PDB file of N, CA and C in Angstrom:
ATOM      1  N   MET A   1      25.079  -0.075  39.247  1.00  0.00           N
ATOM      2  CA  MET A   1      25.312   1.228  39.738  1.00  0.00           C
ATOM      3  C   MET A   1      23.880   1.523  40.284  1.00  0.00           C
ATOM      4  N   GLU A   2      23.713   2.297  41.457  1.00  0.00           N
ATOM      5  CA  GLU A   2      22.575   2.521  41.991  1.00  0.00           C
ATOM      6  C   GLU A   2      22.132   4.074  41.751  1.00  0.00           C
ATOM      7  N   THR A   3      23.083   4.948  41.439  1.00  0.00           N
ATOM      8  CA  THR A   3      22.965   6.210  41.133  1.00  0.00           C
ATOM      9  C   THR A   3      23.441   6.627  40.040  1.00  0.00           C
ATOM     10  N   VAL A   4      22.964   7.628  39.188  1.00  0.00           N
ATOM     11  CA  VAL A   4      23.466   8.345  38.103  1.00  0.00           C
ATOM     12  C   VAL A   4      24.465   9.343  38.316  1.00  0.00           C
ATOM     13  N   PRO A   5      25.651   9.350  38.026  1.00  0.00           N
ATOM     14  CA  PRO A   5      26.653  10.367  38.307  1.00  0.00           C
ATOM     15  C   PRO A   5      26.135  11.702  37.560  1.00  0.00           C
ATOM     16  N   LYS A   6      26.308  12.854  38.395  1.00  0.00           N
ATOM     17  CA  LYS A   6      25.765  14.214  37.900  1.00  0.00           C
ATOM     18  C   LYS A   6      26.251  14.457  36.561  1.00  0.00           C
ATOM     19  N   GLU A   7      27.441  14.291  36.097  1.00  0.00           N
ATOM     20  CA  GLU A   7      27.938  14.583  34.899  1.00  0.00           C
ATOM     21  C   GLU A   7      27.375  13.854  33.743  1.00  0.00           C
ATOM     22  N   TRP A   8      26.680  12.772  33.844  1.00  0.00           N
ATOM     23  CA  TRP A   8      26.017  12.206  32.795  1.00  0.00           C
ATOM     24  C   TRP A   8      24.679  12.814  32.669  1.00  0.00           C
ATOM     25  N   VAL A   9      24.076  13.634  33.332  1.00  0.00           N
ATOM     26  CA  VAL A   9      22.878  14.343  33.284  1.00  0.00           C
ATOM     27  C   VAL A   9      22.826  15.586  32.675  1.00  0.00           C
ATOM     28  N   LYS A  10      22.220  15.918  31.636  1.00  0.00           N
ATOM     29  CA  LYS A  10      22.137  17.169  31.040  1.00  0.00           C
ATOM     30  C   LYS A  10      20.576  17.709  31.049  1.00  0.00           C
ATOM     31  N   SER A  11      20.625  19.028  31.570  1.00  0.00           N
ATOM     32  CA  SER A  11      19.286  19.533  31.638  1.00  0.00           C
ATOM     33  C   SER A  11      18.850  19.997  30.095  1.00  0.00           C
ATOM     34  N   ALA A  12      17.541  19.997  29.904  1.00  0.00           N
ATOM     35  CA  ALA A  12      17.055  20.481  28.763  1.00  0.00           C
ATOM     36  C   ALA A  12      17.531  22.046  28.401  1.00  0.00           C
ATOM     37  N   VAL A  13      17.636  22.690  29.273  1.00  0.00           N
ATOM     38  CA  VAL A  13      18.081  24.113  29.080  1.00  0.00           C
ATOM     39  C   VAL A  13      19.394  24.262  28.506  1.00  0.00           C
ATOM     40  N   ASP A  14      20.108  23.185  28.901  1.00  0.00           N
ATOM     41  CA  ASP A  14      21.571  23.336  28.320  1.00  0.00           C
ATOM     42  C   ASP A  14      21.793  22.861  27.024  1.00  0.00           C
ATOM     43  N   LEU A  15      20.698  22.303  26.373  1.00  0.00           N
ATOM     44  CA  LEU A  15      20.836  21.810  25.120  1.00  0.00           C
ATOM     45  C   LEU A  15      20.838  22.934  23.826  1.00  0.00           C
ATOM     46  N   THR A  16      21.530  22.749  22.899  1.00  0.00           N
ATOM     47  CA  THR A  16      21.421  23.586  21.601  1.00  0.00           C
ATOM     48  C   THR A  16      19.949  23.220  21.047  1.00  0.00           C
ATOM     49  N   GLU A  17      19.700  24.105  20.137  1.00  0.00           N
ATOM     50  CA  GLU A  17      18.449  23.895  19.243  1.00  0.00           C
ATOM     51  C   GLU A  17      18.536  22.504  18.632  1.00  0.00           C
ATOM     52  N   GLU A  18      19.578  22.144  18.017  1.00  0.00           N
ATOM     53  CA  GLU A  18      19.679  20.917  17.241  1.00  0.00           C
ATOM     54  C   GLU A  18      19.794  19.714  18.237  1.00  0.00           C
ATOM     55  N   GLU A  19      20.479  19.930  19.331  1.00  0.00           N
ATOM     56  CA  GLU A  19      20.356  18.772  20.394  1.00  0.00           C
ATOM     57  C   GLU A  19      19.059  18.644  20.756  1.00  0.00           C
ATOM     58  N   ARG A  20      18.224  19.707  20.961  1.00  0.00           N
ATOM     59  CA  ARG A  20      16.903  19.544  21.504  1.00  0.00           C
ATOM     60  C   ARG A  20      15.877  18.730  20.345  1.00  0.00           C
ATOM     61  N   ASP A  21      16.179  19.284  19.168  1.00  0.00           N
ATOM     62  CA  ASP A  21      15.523  18.701  18.054  1.00  0.00           C
ATOM     63  C   ASP A  21      15.660  17.174  17.792  1.00  0.00           C
ATOM     64  N   ARG A  22      17.013  16.874  18.031  1.00  0.00           N
ATOM     65  CA  ARG A  22      17.400  15.462  17.959  1.00  0.00           C
ATOM     66  C   ARG A  22      16.839  14.710  19.059  1.00  0.00           C
ATOM     67  N   PHE A  23      16.686  15.195  20.267  1.00  0.00           N
ATOM     68  CA  PHE A  23      16.228  14.655  21.352  1.00  0.00           C
ATOM     69  C   PHE A  23      14.718  14.282  20.950  1.00  0.00           C
ATOM     70  N   ILE A  24      13.968  15.302  20.627  1.00  0.00           N
ATOM     71  CA  ILE A  24      12.703  15.051  20.329  1.00  0.00           C
ATOM     72  C   ILE A  24      12.333  13.906  19.507  1.00  0.00           C
ATOM     73  N   ILE A  25      13.175  13.735  18.460  1.00  0.00           N
ATOM     74  CA  ILE A  25      13.013  12.760  17.263  1.00  0.00           C
ATOM     75  C   ILE A  25      13.157  11.470  18.119  1.00  0.00           C
ATOM     76  N   LEU A  26      14.369  11.416  18.681  1.00  0.00           N
ATOM     77  CA  LEU A  26      14.903  10.104  19.196  1.00  0.00           C
ATOM     78  C   LEU A  26      14.094   9.576  20.276  1.00  0.00           C
ATOM     79  N   ASP A  27      13.378  10.434  21.063  1.00  0.00           N
ATOM     80  CA  ASP A  27      12.563  10.228  22.141  1.00  0.00           C
ATOM     81  C   ASP A  27      11.146   9.682  21.790  1.00  0.00           C
ATOM     82  N   ASN A  28      10.892   9.943  20.519  1.00  0.00           N
ATOM     83  CA  ASN A  28       9.618   9.569  19.991  1.00  0.00           C
ATOM     84  C   ASN A  28       9.471   8.384  18.920  1.00  0.00           C
ATOM     85  N   THR A  29      10.967   7.860  18.890  1.00  0.00           N
ATOM     86  CA  THR A  29      10.910   6.726  17.687  1.00  0.00           C
ATOM     87  C   THR A  29      10.406   5.366  18.160  1.00  0.00           C
ATOM     88  N   HIS A  30      10.267   5.319  19.468  1.00  0.00           N
ATOM     89  CA  HIS A  30       9.801   3.981  19.967  1.00  0.00           C
ATOM     90  C   HIS A  30       8.067   3.820  20.106  1.00  0.00           C
ATOM     91  N   ALA A  31       7.478   4.831  19.929  1.00  0.00           N
ATOM     92  CA  ALA A  31       6.025   4.689  20.268  1.00  0.00           C
ATOM     93  C   ALA A  31       5.272   5.480  19.110  1.00  0.00           C
ATOM     94  N   GLY A  32       4.130   4.944  18.881  1.00  0.00           N
ATOM     95  CA  GLY A  32       3.210   5.479  17.936  1.00  0.00           C
ATOM     96  C   GLY A  32       3.514   5.335  16.511  1.00  0.00           C
ATOM     97  N   GLU A  33       3.025   6.273  15.642  1.00  0.00           N
ATOM     98  CA  GLU A  33       3.171   6.318  14.243  1.00  0.00           C
ATOM     99  C   GLU A  33       3.695   7.777  13.787  1.00  0.00           C
ATOM    100  N   TRP A  34       4.509   7.824  12.912  1.00  0.00           N
ATOM    101  CA  TRP A  34       5.053   9.134  12.348  1.00  0.00           C
ATOM    102  C   TRP A  34       4.103   9.607  11.417  1.00  0.00           C
ATOM    103  N   ASP A  35       3.876  10.845  11.300  1.00  0.00           N
ATOM    104  CA  ASP A  35       3.121  11.727  10.070  1.00  0.00           C
ATOM    105  C   ASP A  35       4.336  11.976   9.162  1.00  0.00           C
ATOM    106  N   TYR A  36       4.529  11.228   8.335  1.00  0.00           N
ATOM    107  CA  TYR A  36       5.638  11.487   7.452  1.00  0.00           C
ATOM    108  C   TYR A  36       5.653  12.710   6.636  1.00  0.00           C
ATOM    109  N   LEU A  37       4.270  13.097   6.217  1.00  0.00           N
ATOM    110  CA  LEU A  37       4.090  14.241   5.347  1.00  0.00           C
ATOM    111  C   LEU A  37       4.206  15.441   6.298  1.00  0.00           C
ATOM    112  N   VAL A  38       4.036  15.628   7.510  1.00  0.00           N
ATOM    113  CA  VAL A  38       4.208  16.649   8.513  1.00  0.00           C
ATOM    114  C   VAL A  38       5.833  16.724   8.777  1.00  0.00           C
ATOM    115  N   LEU A  39       6.385  15.489   8.849  1.00  0.00           N
ATOM    116  CA  LEU A  39       7.929  15.600   9.143  1.00  0.00           C
ATOM    117  C   LEU A  39       8.666  15.998   7.951  1.00  0.00           C
ATOM    118  N   SER A  40       8.215  15.613   6.786  1.00  0.00           N
ATOM    119  CA  SER A  40       8.821  16.149   5.493  1.00  0.00           C
ATOM    120  C   SER A  40       8.721  17.746   5.345  1.00  0.00           C
ATOM    121  N   LYS A  41       7.656  18.207   5.942  1.00  0.00           N
ATOM    122  CA  LYS A  41       7.521  19.813   5.882  1.00  0.00           C
ATOM    123  C   LYS A  41       8.101  20.466   6.757  1.00  0.00           C
ATOM    124  N   GLU A  42       8.116  19.983   8.061  1.00  0.00           N
ATOM    125  CA  GLU A  42       8.624  20.778   9.129  1.00  0.00           C
ATOM    126  C   GLU A  42       9.965  20.249   9.733  1.00  0.00           C
ATOM    127  N   TRP A  43      10.742  19.376   9.169  1.00  0.00           N
ATOM    128  CA  TRP A  43      11.808  18.867   9.698  1.00  0.00           C
ATOM    129  C   TRP A  43      13.004  18.813   8.488  1.00  0.00           C
ATOM    130  N   ASP A  44      14.159  18.832   8.808  1.00  0.00           N
ATOM    131  CA  ASP A  44      15.313  18.803   7.789  1.00  0.00           C
ATOM    132  C   ASP A  44      15.605  17.350   7.692  1.00  0.00           C
ATOM    133  N   LYS A  45      15.214  16.784   6.347  1.00  0.00           N
ATOM    134  CA  LYS A  45      15.258  15.380   5.822  1.00  0.00           C
ATOM    135  C   LYS A  45      16.710  14.922   6.236  1.00  0.00           C
ATOM    136  N   ASP A  46      17.702  15.780   5.825  1.00  0.00           N
ATOM    137  CA  ASP A  46      19.240  15.308   6.355  1.00  0.00           C
ATOM    138  C   ASP A  46      19.431  14.959   7.728  1.00  0.00           C
ATOM    139  N   CYS A  47      18.800  15.874   8.676  1.00  0.00           N
ATOM    140  CA  CYS A  47      19.017  15.517  10.032  1.00  0.00           C
ATOM    141  C   CYS A  47      18.398  14.550  10.471  1.00  0.00           C
ATOM    142  N   LEU A  48      17.105  14.262   9.985  1.00  0.00           N
ATOM    143  CA  LEU A  48      16.350  13.013  10.410  1.00  0.00           C
ATOM    144  C   LEU A  48      17.101  11.883  10.140  1.00  0.00           C
ATOM    145  N   ALA A  49      17.738  11.704   8.887  1.00  0.00           N
ATOM    146  CA  ALA A  49      18.398  10.784   8.451  1.00  0.00           C
ATOM    147  C   ALA A  49      19.618  10.414   9.272  1.00  0.00           C
ATOM    148  N   ASP A  50      20.328  11.521   9.610  1.00  0.00           N
ATOM    149  CA  ASP A  50      21.548  11.328  10.519  1.00  0.00           C
ATOM    150  C   ASP A  50      21.142  10.716  11.865  1.00  0.00           C
ATOM    151  N   TRP A  51      19.788  11.216  12.184  1.00  0.00           N
ATOM    152  CA  TRP A  51      19.490  10.578  13.595  1.00  0.00           C
ATOM    153  C   TRP A  51      19.012   9.207  13.506  1.00  0.00           C
ATOM    154  N   GLY A  52      18.855   8.572  12.394  1.00  0.00           N
ATOM    155  CA  GLY A  52      18.420   7.229  12.099  1.00  0.00           C
ATOM    156  C   GLY A  52      17.134   7.085  11.927  1.00  0.00           C
ATOM    157  N   LEU A  53      16.173   8.226  11.578  1.00  0.00           N
ATOM    158  CA  LEU A  53      14.893   7.929  11.266  1.00  0.00           C
ATOM    159  C   LEU A  53      14.832   7.893   9.687  1.00  0.00           C
ATOM    160  N   GLU A  54      14.151   6.640   9.286  1.00  0.00           N
ATOM    161  CA  GLU A  54      14.101   6.444   7.998  1.00  0.00           C
ATOM    162  C   GLU A  54      12.746   6.887   7.351  1.00  0.00           C
ATOM    163  N   MET A  55      12.988   7.940   6.507  1.00  0.00           N
ATOM    164  CA  MET A  55      11.686   8.523   5.943  1.00  0.00           C
ATOM    165  C   MET A  55      10.889   7.609   4.981  1.00  0.00           C
ATOM    166  N   LYS A  56       9.642   7.667   5.121  1.00  0.00           N
ATOM    167  CA  LYS A  56       8.869   6.834   4.134  1.00  0.00           C
ATOM    168  C   LYS A  56       8.054   7.984   3.330  1.00  0.00           C
ATOM    169  N   GLU A  57       7.654   7.569   2.178  1.00  0.00           N
ATOM    170  CA  GLU A  57       6.844   8.514   1.142  1.00  0.00           C
ATOM    171  C   GLU A  57       5.559   8.763   1.981  1.00  0.00           C
ATOM    172  N   PRO A  58       4.963   9.924   1.973  1.00  0.00           N
ATOM    173  CA  PRO A  58       3.805  10.138   2.487  1.00  0.00           C
ATOM    174  C   PRO A  58       2.658   9.499   1.788  1.00  0.00           C
ATOM    175  N   GLU A  59       1.586   9.293   2.201  1.00  0.00           N
ATOM    176  CA  GLU A  59       0.402   8.521   1.530  1.00  0.00           C
ATOM    177  C   GLU A  59      -0.110   9.895   0.564  1.00  0.00           C
ATOM    178  N   PRO A  60      -0.094   9.506  -0.723  1.00  0.00           N
ATOM    179  CA  PRO A  60      -0.690  10.510  -1.767  1.00  0.00           C
ATOM    180  C   PRO A  60      -2.052  11.058  -1.305  1.00  0.00           C
ATOM    181  N   ASP A  61      -2.841  10.298  -0.759  1.00  0.00           N
ATOM    182  CA  ASP A  61      -4.471  10.675  -0.633  1.00  0.00           C
ATOM    183  C   ASP A  61      -4.525  11.549   0.605  1.00  0.00           C
ATOM    184  N   LYS A  62      -3.532  11.874   1.388  1.00  0.00           N
ATOM    185  CA  LYS A  62      -3.554  12.601   2.583  1.00  0.00           C
ATOM    186  C   LYS A  62      -3.151  14.105   2.328  1.00  0.00           C
ATOM    187  N   THR A  63      -3.765  15.136   2.912  1.00  0.00           N
ATOM    188  CA  THR A  63      -3.306  16.238   2.914  1.00  0.00           C
ATOM    189  C   THR A  63      -2.852  16.852   4.151  1.00  0.00           C
ATOM    190  N   ALA A  64      -1.629  17.374   4.107  1.00  0.00           N
ATOM    191  CA  ALA A  64      -1.090  17.764   5.552  1.00  0.00           C
ATOM    192  C   ALA A  64      -1.713  19.170   5.843  1.00  0.00           C
ATOM    193  N   VAL A  65      -2.173  19.121   7.026  1.00  0.00           N
ATOM    194  CA  VAL A  65      -2.486  20.390   7.647  1.00  0.00           C
ATOM    195  C   VAL A  65      -1.710  20.855   8.792  1.00  0.00           C
ATOM    196  N   SER A  66      -0.910  21.931   8.631  1.00  0.00           N
ATOM    197  CA  SER A  66       0.012  22.296   9.477  1.00  0.00           C
ATOM    198  C   SER A  66      -0.358  23.600  10.188  1.00  0.00           C
ATOM    199  N   PHE A  67      -0.366  23.637  11.397  1.00  0.00           N
ATOM    200  CA  PHE A  67      -1.007  24.880  12.232  1.00  0.00           C
ATOM    201  C   PHE A  67      -0.431  25.133  13.455  1.00  0.00           C
ATOM    202  N   SER A  68      -0.592  26.094  14.018  1.00  0.00           N
ATOM    203  CA  SER A  68      -0.248  26.380  15.537  1.00  0.00           C
ATOM    204  C   SER A  68      -0.996  27.478  15.941  1.00  0.00           C
ATOM    205  N   ALA A  69      -1.726  27.206  17.154  1.00  0.00           N
ATOM    206  CA  ALA A  69      -2.349  28.303  17.765  1.00  0.00           C
ATOM    207  C   ALA A  69      -1.543  29.654  18.041  1.00  0.00           C
ATOM    208  N   ARG A  70      -0.128  29.384  18.218  1.00  0.00           N
ATOM    209  CA  ARG A  70       0.524  30.469  18.564  1.00  0.00           C
ATOM    210  C   ARG A  70       0.792  31.386  17.306  1.00  0.00           C
ATOM    211  N   LYS A  71       0.610  30.826  16.184  1.00  0.00           N
ATOM    212  CA  LYS A  71       0.809  31.616  14.785  1.00  0.00           C
ATOM    213  C   LYS A  71      -0.431  32.387  14.433  1.00  0.00           C
ATOM    214  N   ILE A  72      -1.552  32.025  14.879  1.00  0.00           N
ATOM    215  CA  ILE A  72      -2.795  32.679  14.507  1.00  0.00           C
ATOM    216  C   ILE A  72      -3.172  33.770  15.488  1.00  0.00           C
ATOM    217  N   PRO A  73      -3.301  34.878  15.091  1.00  0.00           N
ATOM    218  CA  PRO A  73      -3.407  36.205  15.867  1.00  0.00           C
ATOM    219  C   PRO A  73      -5.050  36.140  16.373  1.00  0.00           C
ATOM    220  N   LYS A  74      -5.046  36.343  17.815  1.00  0.00           N
ATOM    221  CA  LYS A  74      -6.463  36.375  18.447  1.00  0.00           C
ATOM    222  C   LYS A  74      -7.358  37.248  17.659  1.00  0.00           C
ATOM    223  N   GLY A  75      -8.690  36.853  17.645  1.00  0.00           N
ATOM    224  CA  GLY A  75      -9.617  37.514  16.713  1.00  0.00           C
ATOM    225  C   GLY A  75      -9.746  37.227  15.280  1.00  0.00           C
ATOM    226  N   CYS A  76      -8.796  36.420  14.736  1.00  0.00           N
ATOM    227  CA  CYS A  76      -8.843  36.054  13.394  1.00  0.00           C
ATOM    228  C   CYS A  76      -9.859  34.825  13.090  1.00  0.00           C
ATOM    229  N   LEU A  77     -10.702  34.867  11.940  1.00  0.00           N
ATOM    230  CA  LEU A  77     -11.664  33.910  11.691  1.00  0.00           C
ATOM    231  C   LEU A  77     -10.930  33.137  10.554  1.00  0.00           C
ATOM    232  N   VAL A  78     -10.754  31.715  10.606  1.00  0.00           N
ATOM    233  CA  VAL A  78     -10.220  31.040   9.652  1.00  0.00           C
ATOM    234  C   VAL A  78     -11.341  29.941   9.118  1.00  0.00           C
ATOM    235  N   LYS A  79     -11.535  30.065   7.630  1.00  0.00           N
ATOM    236  CA  LYS A  79     -12.677  29.204   7.179  1.00  0.00           C
ATOM    237  C   LYS A  79     -11.847  28.107   6.443  1.00  0.00           C
ATOM    238  N   VAL A  80     -12.390  26.930   6.800  1.00  0.00           N
ATOM    239  CA  VAL A  80     -11.773  25.612   6.075  1.00  0.00           C
ATOM    240  C   VAL A  80     -12.773  24.837   5.497  1.00  0.00           C
ATOM    241  N   ILE A  81     -12.769  24.465   4.349  1.00  0.00           N
ATOM    242  CA  ILE A  81     -13.627  23.811   3.615  1.00  0.00           C
ATOM    243  C   ILE A  81     -13.052  22.401   3.459  1.00  0.00           C
ATOM    244  N   LEU A  82     -13.759  21.256   3.960  1.00  0.00           N
ATOM    245  CA  LEU A  82     -13.403  19.835   3.615  1.00  0.00           C
ATOM    246  C   LEU A  82     -14.393  19.125   2.994  1.00  0.00           C
ATOM    247  N   ASP A  83     -14.002  18.049   2.556  1.00  0.00           N
ATOM    248  CA  ASP A  83     -14.850  17.063   1.635  1.00  0.00           C
ATOM    249  C   ASP A  83     -15.744  16.159   2.426  1.00  0.00           C
ATOM    250  N   SER A  84     -15.316  15.942   3.573  1.00  0.00           N
ATOM    251  CA  SER A  84     -16.151  14.948   4.350  1.00  0.00           C
ATOM    252  C   SER A  84     -16.222  15.490   5.847  1.00  0.00           C
ATOM    253  N   GLU A  85     -17.376  14.883   6.485  1.00  0.00           N
ATOM    254  CA  GLU A  85     -17.613  15.216   7.833  1.00  0.00           C
ATOM    255  C   GLU A  85     -16.630  14.797   8.765  1.00  0.00           C
ATOM    256  N   GLY A  86     -16.252  13.557   8.506  1.00  0.00           N
ATOM    257  CA  GLY A  86     -15.181  12.919   9.312  1.00  0.00           C
ATOM    258  C   GLY A  86     -13.907  13.688   9.404  1.00  0.00           C
ATOM    259  N   ALA A  87     -13.532  14.111   8.194  1.00  0.00           N
ATOM    260  CA  ALA A  87     -12.189  14.922   8.180  1.00  0.00           C
ATOM    261  C   ALA A  87     -12.509  16.365   8.837  1.00  0.00           C
ATOM    262  N   ALA A  88     -13.724  16.816   8.764  1.00  0.00           N
ATOM    263  CA  ALA A  88     -13.948  18.004   9.557  1.00  0.00           C
ATOM    264  C   ALA A  88     -13.835  17.751  11.037  1.00  0.00           C
ATOM    265  N   GLU A  89     -14.285  16.706  11.581  1.00  0.00           N
ATOM    266  CA  GLU A  89     -14.358  16.320  12.977  1.00  0.00           C
ATOM    267  C   GLU A  89     -13.008  16.187  13.369  1.00  0.00           C
ATOM    268  N   GLN A  90     -12.111  15.574  12.506  1.00  0.00           N
ATOM    269  CA  GLN A  90     -10.677  15.150  12.978  1.00  0.00           C
ATOM    270  C   GLN A  90      -9.864  16.572  13.141  1.00  0.00           C
ATOM    271  N   LEU A  91     -10.203  17.364  12.032  1.00  0.00           N
ATOM    272  CA  LEU A  91      -9.426  18.693  12.139  1.00  0.00           C
ATOM    273  C   LEU A  91      -9.877  19.451  13.412  1.00  0.00           C
ATOM    274  N   ALA A  92     -11.287  19.410  13.660  1.00  0.00           N
ATOM    275  CA  ALA A  92     -11.752  20.141  14.717  1.00  0.00           C
ATOM    276  C   ALA A  92     -11.062  19.718  15.994  1.00  0.00           C
ATOM    277  N   GLU A  93     -10.986  18.418  16.141  1.00  0.00           N
ATOM    278  CA  GLU A  93     -10.303  17.825  17.400  1.00  0.00           C
ATOM    279  C   GLU A  93      -8.872  18.511  17.470  1.00  0.00           C
ATOM    280  N   ARG A  94      -8.299  18.359  16.483  1.00  0.00           N
ATOM    281  CA  ARG A  94      -6.894  18.967  16.458  1.00  0.00           C
ATOM    282  C   ARG A  94      -6.768  20.543  16.838  1.00  0.00           C
ATOM    283  N   LEU A  95      -7.717  21.355  16.323  1.00  0.00           N
ATOM    284  CA  LEU A  95      -7.643  22.754  16.573  1.00  0.00           C
ATOM    285  C   LEU A  95      -7.999  22.880  17.901  1.00  0.00           C
ATOM    286  N   ILE A  96      -8.946  22.233  18.443  1.00  0.00           N
ATOM    287  CA  ILE A  96      -9.590  22.484  19.848  1.00  0.00           C
ATOM    288  C   ILE A  96      -8.206  22.012  20.905  1.00  0.00           C
ATOM    289  N   LYS A  97      -7.495  20.876  20.655  1.00  0.00           N
ATOM    290  CA  LYS A  97      -6.132  20.780  21.265  1.00  0.00           C
ATOM    291  C   LYS A  97      -5.300  21.835  21.367  1.00  0.00           C
ATOM    292  N   GLU A  98      -5.259  22.629  20.173  1.00  0.00           N
ATOM    293  CA  GLU A  98      -4.247  23.817  20.023  1.00  0.00           C
ATOM    294  C   GLU A  98      -4.742  24.935  20.713  1.00  0.00           C
ATOM    295  N   GLY A  99      -6.006  24.883  21.408  1.00  0.00           N
ATOM    296  CA  GLY A  99      -6.558  25.965  22.132  1.00  0.00           C
ATOM    297  C   GLY A  99      -7.461  27.037  21.325  1.00  0.00           C
ATOM    298  N   LEU A 100      -7.934  26.581  20.111  1.00  0.00           N
ATOM    299  CA  LEU A 100      -8.805  27.144  19.433  1.00  0.00           C
ATOM    300  C   LEU A 100     -10.279  27.040  19.415  1.00  0.00           C
ATOM    301  N   LYS A 101     -11.108  28.019  19.236  1.00  0.00           N
ATOM    302  CA  LYS A 101     -12.616  27.695  19.199  1.00  0.00           C
ATOM    303  C   LYS A 101     -12.989  27.217  17.898  1.00  0.00           C
ATOM    304  N   VAL A 102     -13.811  26.169  17.795  1.00  0.00           N
ATOM    305  CA  VAL A 102     -14.299  25.572  16.583  1.00  0.00           C
ATOM    306  C   VAL A 102     -15.641  25.418  16.418  1.00  0.00           C
ATOM    307  N   GLU A 103     -16.097  25.788  15.220  1.00  0.00           N
ATOM    308  CA  GLU A 103     -17.477  25.739  15.041  1.00  0.00           C
ATOM    309  C   GLU A 103     -17.655  25.035  13.441  1.00  0.00           C
ATOM    310  N   ILE A 104     -18.433  23.718  13.586  1.00  0.00           N
ATOM    311  CA  ILE A 104     -18.494  23.052  12.187  1.00  0.00           C
ATOM    312  C   ILE A 104     -19.799  23.250  11.812  1.00  0.00           C
ATOM    313  N   LYS A 105     -20.082  23.846  10.424  1.00  0.00           N
ATOM    314  CA  LYS A 105     -21.400  24.057   9.823  1.00  0.00           C
ATOM    315  C   LYS A 105     -21.640  23.060   8.653  1.00  0.00           C
TER     316      LYS A 105
END
């Protein structure tokens, strides 16, 4: 077949929330590594299992940090205290990617 029939193509705007979530998980199963701690906190475990994602126990020495720049009102100051400079730098990189201003002291 040289072309894909139009009825086979589905636009993302036509997906239900569950279909969109399923697509996000299935589209990312082939590359990278999962953060199982974040998955276990932010996704329904039964749905993940139904979609074929085998959940592993998160590493006990890691602490999940879940955040989104969209949930933090402008003008707020958030103070985070970490045990190591390396952890602070990693978190700072994540926050900067989310569009937040970061200052490490």
